[in-house]
Amino acid sequence: MVSTYIIISAVIAFIAVALGAAYTTGALDPVIQQIGIMFFKAKAEAEKKKLQAQGMKEGEDFVGDQLNGNQQASEVASGLGGIGGLKKGL
């Protein structure tokens, strides 16, 4: 009888090969782009909380669109800049 470890290893290897092929062909580009946008929006939220902890108020002392994370997220969404390279198709 085939060992459970061999079956699990074969399934994991198949999934890894499938993901590698999808990445190479560019099929994962939209997924990578969305992950990048989510990461940078979370970074902007952390920056906002840090500024608020320092006593600053959004709209008075800083604008949410000017936070570094939001700017990077918009660059990824439009495919510009060095971070915009997350989209392989450009």
Protein backbone atom coordinates (compact mmCIF):
# COMPACT_ATOMS: atom_id res chain seq x y z
CA MET A 1 0.00 0.00 0.00
CA VAL A 2 1.22 3.49 -0.83
CA SER A 3 2.38 5.44 2.17
CA THR A 4 0.39 8.49 3.23
CA TYR A 5 3.58 10.56 3.24
CA ILE A 6 4.23 9.78 -0.41
CA ILE A 7 0.70 10.80 -1.38
CA ILE A 8 0.89 14.04 0.61
CA SER A 9 4.32 14.82 -0.85
CA ALA A 10 3.03 14.21 -4.38
CA VAL A 11 0.02 16.49 -3.84
CA ILE A 12 2.20 19.27 -2.42
CA ALA A 13 4.67 18.90 -5.29
CA PHE A 14 1.82 19.07 -7.82
CA ILE A 15 0.43 22.24 -6.21
CA ALA A 16 3.91 23.82 -6.18
CA VAL A 17 4.43 23.02 -9.86
CA ALA A 18 0.98 24.38 -10.74
CA LEU A 19 1.62 27.63 -8.83
CA GLY A 20 5.05 27.97 -10.43
CA ALA A 21 3.58 27.53 -13.90
CA ALA A 22 0.81 30.04 -13.16
CA TYR A 23 3.37 32.57 -11.88
CA THR A 24 5.63 32.07 -14.89
CA THR A 25 2.80 32.56 -17.39
CA GLY A 26 1.59 35.69 -15.61
CA ALA A 27 -1.74 34.23 -14.51
CA LEU A 28 -1.01 35.25 -10.90
CA ASP A 29 -0.24 38.89 -11.73
CA PRO A 30 -3.68 40.21 -10.63
CA VAL A 31 -3.42 38.25 -7.38
CA ILE A 32 0.09 39.57 -6.70
CA GLN A 33 -1.09 43.10 -7.45
CA GLN A 34 -4.03 42.83 -5.03
CA ILE A 35 -1.78 41.42 -2.30
CA GLY A 36 0.61 44.35 -2.80
CA ILE A 37 -2.24 46.85 -2.59
CA MET A 38 -3.58 45.25 0.59
CA PHE A 39 -0.09 45.29 2.13
CA PHE A 40 0.48 48.99 1.39
CA LYS A 41 -3.00 49.98 2.59
CA ALA A 42 -2.29 48.19 5.86
CA LYS A 43 1.01 50.08 6.04
CA ALA A 44 -0.87 53.36 5.54
CA GLU A 45 -3.31 52.43 8.29
CA ALA A 46 -0.39 51.78 10.64
CA GLU A 47 1.15 55.14 9.69
CA LYS A 48 -2.19 56.84 10.38
CA LYS A 49 -2.48 55.23 13.82
CA LYS A 50 1.12 56.20 14.61
CA LEU A 51 0.44 59.83 13.71
CA GLN A 52 -2.80 59.81 15.70
CA ALA A 53 -0.91 58.38 18.69
CA GLN A 54 1.45 61.36 18.42
CA GLY A 55 -1.54 63.65 18.81
CA MET A 56 -2.10 64.60 15.17
CA LYS A 57 -5.56 64.68 13.65
CA GLU A 58 -6.43 63.43 10.18
CA GLY A 59 -7.62 66.26 7.99
CA GLU A 60 -5.92 68.91 10.12
CA ASP A 61 -2.31 67.78 10.56
CA PHE A 62 -2.10 65.17 7.80
CA VAL A 63 -4.15 63.92 4.86
CA GLY A 64 -4.72 60.20 4.35
CA ASP A 65 -3.79 60.36 0.65
CA GLN A 66 -0.37 61.77 1.51
CA LEU A 67 0.63 58.81 3.67
CA ASN A 68 3.48 56.80 2.19
CA GLY A 69 1.51 53.53 2.20
CA ASN A 70 -1.43 55.02 0.29
CA GLN A 71 0.90 56.51 -2.31
CA GLN A 72 2.62 53.15 -2.79
CA ALA A 73 -0.76 51.38 -3.06
CA SER A 74 -1.86 53.77 -5.79
CA GLU A 75 1.44 53.23 -7.63
CA VAL A 76 0.91 49.46 -7.54
CA ALA A 77 -2.68 49.86 -8.73
CA SER A 78 -1.58 51.96 -11.70
CA GLY A 79 1.56 49.88 -12.36
CA LEU A 80 3.98 52.78 -11.90
CA GLY A 81 7.28 53.06 -10.05
CA GLY A 82 9.62 50.40 -8.73
CA ILE A 83 6.90 48.86 -6.59
CA GLY A 84 4.59 48.80 -9.60
CA GLY A 85 6.84 46.00 -10.84
CA LEU A 86 4.61 43.67 -8.83
CA LYS A 87 2.62 43.53 -12.05
CA LYS A 88 4.76 41.43 -14.36
CA GLY A 89 2.67 42.31 -17.41
CA LEU A 90 4.02 45.85 -17.72
